[in-house]
C-alpha cells in the first residue's frame, strides 16, 4: 500500500487526476506541518498498484499543487476484498 501526503488544495483536481489514472483510493483530510508551518493536509491511500505508478501519481499531485515536495510512503500489507 502507498500513502501520499500533500497539502489540502486543489482537491477536486487531485481527485480527478486519481480517477483519470484509473486508481481506487481513500482520501483523508488531516492537519500537518511542513517546515514548522501548520497546514491542512490530505492523506491519499492507494493499494494494489506498482511503485512506479505510485511515484508517478505523487509527481502528478506535486505538480497540481505546485509544491516543493509531497511525501510518498510505502507499507507492506496484504489486502483482501471480502
N, C-alpha and C. Protein backbone atom coordinates (compact mmCIF):
# COMPACT_ATOMS: atom_id res chain seq x y z
N UNK A 1 0.85 -1.17 0.00
CA UNK A 1 0.00 0.00 0.00
C UNK A 1 0.89 1.24 0.00
N UNK A 2 0.44 2.26 -0.66
CA UNK A 2 1.15 3.53 -0.71
C UNK A 2 0.27 4.62 -0.13
N UNK A 3 0.90 5.59 0.52
CA UNK A 3 0.20 6.76 1.03
C UNK A 3 0.94 7.99 0.53
N UNK A 4 0.19 8.93 -0.02
CA UNK A 4 0.74 10.21 -0.45
C UNK A 4 0.21 11.28 0.50
N UNK A 5 1.11 12.06 1.07
CA UNK A 5 0.74 13.16 1.96
C UNK A 5 1.05 14.46 1.24
N UNK A 6 0.05 15.32 1.17
CA UNK A 6 0.16 16.56 0.40
C UNK A 6 -0.67 17.64 1.08
N UNK A 7 -0.45 18.85 0.68
CA UNK A 7 -1.24 19.97 1.20
C UNK A 7 -2.68 19.86 0.68
N UNK A 8 -3.62 20.25 1.50
CA UNK A 8 -5.03 20.21 1.09
C UNK A 8 -5.35 21.43 0.25
N UNK A 9 -5.13 21.30 -1.05
CA UNK A 9 -5.53 22.33 -2.00
C UNK A 9 -5.75 21.65 -3.34
N UNK A 10 -6.52 22.29 -4.19
CA UNK A 10 -6.86 21.72 -5.49
C UNK A 10 -7.41 20.30 -5.37
N UNK A 11 -8.23 20.09 -4.35
CA UNK A 11 -8.70 18.74 -4.02
C UNK A 11 -9.47 18.12 -5.19
N UNK A 12 -10.32 18.89 -5.84
CA UNK A 12 -11.09 18.34 -6.96
C UNK A 12 -10.18 17.94 -8.12
N UNK A 13 -9.14 18.73 -8.37
CA UNK A 13 -8.18 18.39 -9.42
C UNK A 13 -7.39 17.14 -9.05
N UNK A 14 -7.02 17.03 -7.79
CA UNK A 14 -6.28 15.85 -7.32
C UNK A 14 -7.16 14.61 -7.50
N UNK A 15 -8.42 14.69 -7.07
CA UNK A 15 -9.32 13.54 -7.23
C UNK A 15 -9.52 13.20 -8.71
N UNK A 16 -9.66 14.21 -9.54
CA UNK A 16 -9.83 13.97 -10.97
C UNK A 16 -8.60 13.28 -11.56
N UNK A 17 -7.42 13.66 -11.10
CA UNK A 17 -6.19 13.01 -11.57
C UNK A 17 -6.16 11.55 -11.15
N UNK A 18 -6.56 11.27 -9.92
CA UNK A 18 -6.59 9.89 -9.43
C UNK A 18 -7.57 9.05 -10.25
N UNK A 19 -8.74 9.60 -10.49
CA UNK A 19 -9.75 8.90 -11.28
C UNK A 19 -9.25 8.72 -12.72
N UNK A 20 -8.63 9.76 -13.26
CA UNK A 20 -8.11 9.70 -14.62
C UNK A 20 -7.03 8.64 -14.81
N UNK A 21 -6.31 8.35 -13.73
CA UNK A 21 -5.29 7.30 -13.77
C UNK A 21 -5.89 5.92 -13.51
N UNK A 22 -7.20 5.88 -13.29
CA UNK A 22 -7.88 4.61 -13.05
C UNK A 22 -7.63 4.03 -11.67
N UNK A 23 -7.30 4.90 -10.71
CA UNK A 23 -6.94 4.43 -9.38
C UNK A 23 -8.14 4.44 -8.43
N UNK A 24 -8.20 3.40 -7.60
CA UNK A 24 -9.10 3.41 -6.46
C UNK A 24 -8.31 4.00 -5.31
N UNK A 25 -8.95 4.81 -4.49
CA UNK A 25 -8.20 5.50 -3.44
C UNK A 25 -9.08 5.76 -2.23
N UNK A 26 -8.43 6.02 -1.13
CA UNK A 26 -9.08 6.52 0.08
C UNK A 26 -8.39 7.83 0.41
N UNK A 27 -9.19 8.86 0.68
CA UNK A 27 -8.66 10.18 0.94
C UNK A 27 -9.07 10.61 2.34
N UNK A 28 -8.10 11.04 3.13
CA UNK A 28 -8.34 11.54 4.47
C UNK A 28 -7.92 13.00 4.53
N UNK A 29 -8.70 13.81 5.20
CA UNK A 29 -8.30 15.19 5.49
C UNK A 29 -7.64 15.18 6.86
N UNK A 30 -6.55 15.93 6.98
CA UNK A 30 -5.77 15.91 8.22
C UNK A 30 -5.18 17.28 8.48
N UNK A 31 -4.47 17.38 9.57
CA UNK A 31 -3.72 18.59 9.92
C UNK A 31 -2.26 18.18 10.00
N UNK A 32 -1.39 18.89 9.31
CA UNK A 32 0.03 18.54 9.29
C UNK A 32 0.91 19.75 9.43
N UNK A 33 2.20 19.53 9.22
CA UNK A 33 3.18 20.59 9.33
C UNK A 33 4.24 20.39 8.26
N UNK A 34 4.68 21.49 7.67
CA UNK A 34 5.77 21.48 6.68
C UNK A 34 6.71 22.61 7.05
N UNK A 35 7.95 22.29 7.35
CA UNK A 35 8.95 23.27 7.77
C UNK A 35 8.45 24.11 8.94
N UNK A 36 7.78 23.44 9.89
CA UNK A 36 7.31 24.11 11.09
C UNK A 36 6.03 24.91 10.92
N UNK A 37 5.48 24.94 9.73
CA UNK A 37 4.26 25.71 9.45
C UNK A 37 3.08 24.74 9.36
N UNK A 38 2.08 24.92 10.25
CA UNK A 38 0.89 24.05 10.20
C UNK A 38 0.07 24.32 8.95
N UNK A 39 -0.55 23.23 8.43
CA UNK A 39 -1.38 23.36 7.24
C UNK A 39 -2.40 22.24 7.21
N UNK A 40 -3.47 22.47 6.47
CA UNK A 40 -4.42 21.41 6.20
C UNK A 40 -3.79 20.47 5.18
N UNK A 41 -3.97 19.17 5.41
CA UNK A 41 -3.30 18.17 4.59
C UNK A 41 -4.29 17.13 4.07
N UNK A 42 -3.84 16.41 3.04
CA UNK A 42 -4.56 15.25 2.52
C UNK A 42 -3.65 14.04 2.63
N UNK A 43 -4.23 12.94 3.05
CA UNK A 43 -3.54 11.65 3.01
C UNK A 43 -4.33 10.80 2.01
N UNK A 44 -3.65 10.32 0.99
CA UNK A 44 -4.27 9.54 -0.07
C UNK A 44 -3.68 8.14 -0.04
N UNK A 45 -4.52 7.14 0.19
CA UNK A 45 -4.04 5.76 0.23
C UNK A 45 -4.40 5.05 -1.07
N UNK A 46 -3.42 4.33 -1.58
CA UNK A 46 -3.55 3.59 -2.84
C UNK A 46 -3.09 2.16 -2.59
N UNK A 47 -3.85 1.19 -3.07
CA UNK A 47 -3.50 -0.21 -2.85
C UNK A 47 -3.49 -0.95 -4.18
N UNK A 48 -2.72 -2.01 -4.21
CA UNK A 48 -2.64 -2.89 -5.39
C UNK A 48 -2.18 -2.15 -6.64
N UNK A 49 -1.16 -1.31 -6.48
CA UNK A 49 -0.55 -0.64 -7.63
C UNK A 49 0.96 -0.81 -7.53
N UNK A 50 1.65 -0.57 -8.62
CA UNK A 50 3.11 -0.69 -8.64
C UNK A 50 3.76 0.54 -8.01
N UNK A 51 4.99 0.37 -7.60
CA UNK A 51 5.76 1.51 -7.05
C UNK A 51 5.90 2.59 -8.12
N UNK A 52 6.12 2.17 -9.35
CA UNK A 52 6.28 3.13 -10.45
C UNK A 52 5.03 4.00 -10.60
N UNK A 53 3.85 3.38 -10.54
CA UNK A 53 2.60 4.14 -10.66
C UNK A 53 2.40 5.03 -9.44
N UNK A 54 2.74 4.55 -8.26
CA UNK A 54 2.63 5.37 -7.04
C UNK A 54 3.52 6.61 -7.15
N UNK A 55 4.75 6.43 -7.63
CA UNK A 55 5.67 7.55 -7.77
C UNK A 55 5.19 8.55 -8.82
N UNK A 56 4.68 8.06 -9.94
CA UNK A 56 4.20 8.99 -10.97
C UNK A 56 2.94 9.72 -10.50
N UNK A 57 2.11 9.05 -9.70
CA UNK A 57 0.94 9.70 -9.12
C UNK A 57 1.36 10.81 -8.15
N UNK A 58 2.34 10.52 -7.32
CA UNK A 58 2.85 11.53 -6.37
C UNK A 58 3.42 12.73 -7.12
N UNK A 59 4.13 12.48 -8.21
CA UNK A 59 4.68 13.58 -9.02
C UNK A 59 3.55 14.43 -9.62
N UNK A 60 2.49 13.77 -10.08
CA UNK A 60 1.36 14.49 -10.67
C UNK A 60 0.70 15.39 -9.62
N UNK A 61 0.52 14.87 -8.41
CA UNK A 61 -0.09 15.66 -7.34
C UNK A 61 0.82 16.82 -6.95
N UNK A 62 2.11 16.56 -6.89
CA UNK A 62 3.09 17.62 -6.60
C UNK A 62 2.96 18.75 -7.62
N UNK A 63 2.80 18.39 -8.88
CA UNK A 63 2.66 19.37 -9.94
C UNK A 63 1.34 20.13 -9.84
N UNK A 64 0.25 19.41 -9.61
CA UNK A 64 -1.07 20.06 -9.49
C UNK A 64 -1.04 21.09 -8.37
N UNK A 65 -0.43 20.72 -7.25
CA UNK A 65 -0.42 21.61 -6.09
C UNK A 65 0.77 22.58 -6.06
N UNK A 66 1.62 22.52 -7.09
CA UNK A 66 2.80 23.39 -7.18
C UNK A 66 3.58 23.38 -5.88
N UNK A 67 3.91 22.16 -5.42
CA UNK A 67 4.62 22.01 -4.16
C UNK A 67 6.09 21.67 -4.38
N UNK A 68 6.89 22.01 -3.39
CA UNK A 68 8.31 21.65 -3.40
C UNK A 68 8.47 20.14 -3.33
N UNK A 69 7.61 19.49 -2.54
CA UNK A 69 7.67 18.04 -2.38
C UNK A 69 6.35 17.54 -1.81
N UNK A 70 6.04 16.28 -2.08
CA UNK A 70 4.99 15.55 -1.38
C UNK A 70 5.65 14.31 -0.79
N UNK A 71 5.04 13.75 0.23
CA UNK A 71 5.62 12.57 0.87
C UNK A 71 4.93 11.33 0.35
N UNK A 72 5.72 10.36 -0.11
CA UNK A 72 5.22 9.07 -0.56
C UNK A 72 5.71 8.02 0.42
N UNK A 73 4.78 7.31 1.05
CA UNK A 73 5.12 6.26 1.99
C UNK A 73 4.71 4.91 1.40
N UNK A 74 5.52 3.89 1.68
CA UNK A 74 5.21 2.53 1.22
C UNK A 74 5.06 1.63 2.45
N UNK A 75 3.96 0.88 2.49
CA UNK A 75 3.68 -0.02 3.60
C UNK A 75 3.51 -1.44 3.07
N UNK A 76 4.21 -2.39 3.64
CA UNK A 76 3.98 -3.79 3.22
C UNK A 76 2.70 -4.31 3.88
N UNK A 77 1.67 -4.51 3.09
CA UNK A 77 0.40 -5.03 3.60
C UNK A 77 -0.14 -6.07 2.64
N UNK A 78 -1.02 -6.88 3.16
CA UNK A 78 -1.76 -7.83 2.34
C UNK A 78 -3.21 -7.41 2.42
N UNK A 79 -3.82 -7.15 1.27
CA UNK A 79 -5.20 -6.72 1.23
C UNK A 79 -6.07 -7.80 0.60
N UNK A 80 -7.28 -7.91 1.11
CA UNK A 80 -8.21 -8.90 0.59
C UNK A 80 -9.62 -8.33 0.64
N UNK A 81 -10.30 -8.28 -0.50
CA UNK A 81 -11.69 -7.82 -0.52
C UNK A 81 -12.57 -8.98 -0.08
N UNK A 82 -13.48 -8.68 0.83
CA UNK A 82 -14.39 -9.73 1.34
C UNK A 82 -15.82 -9.29 1.11
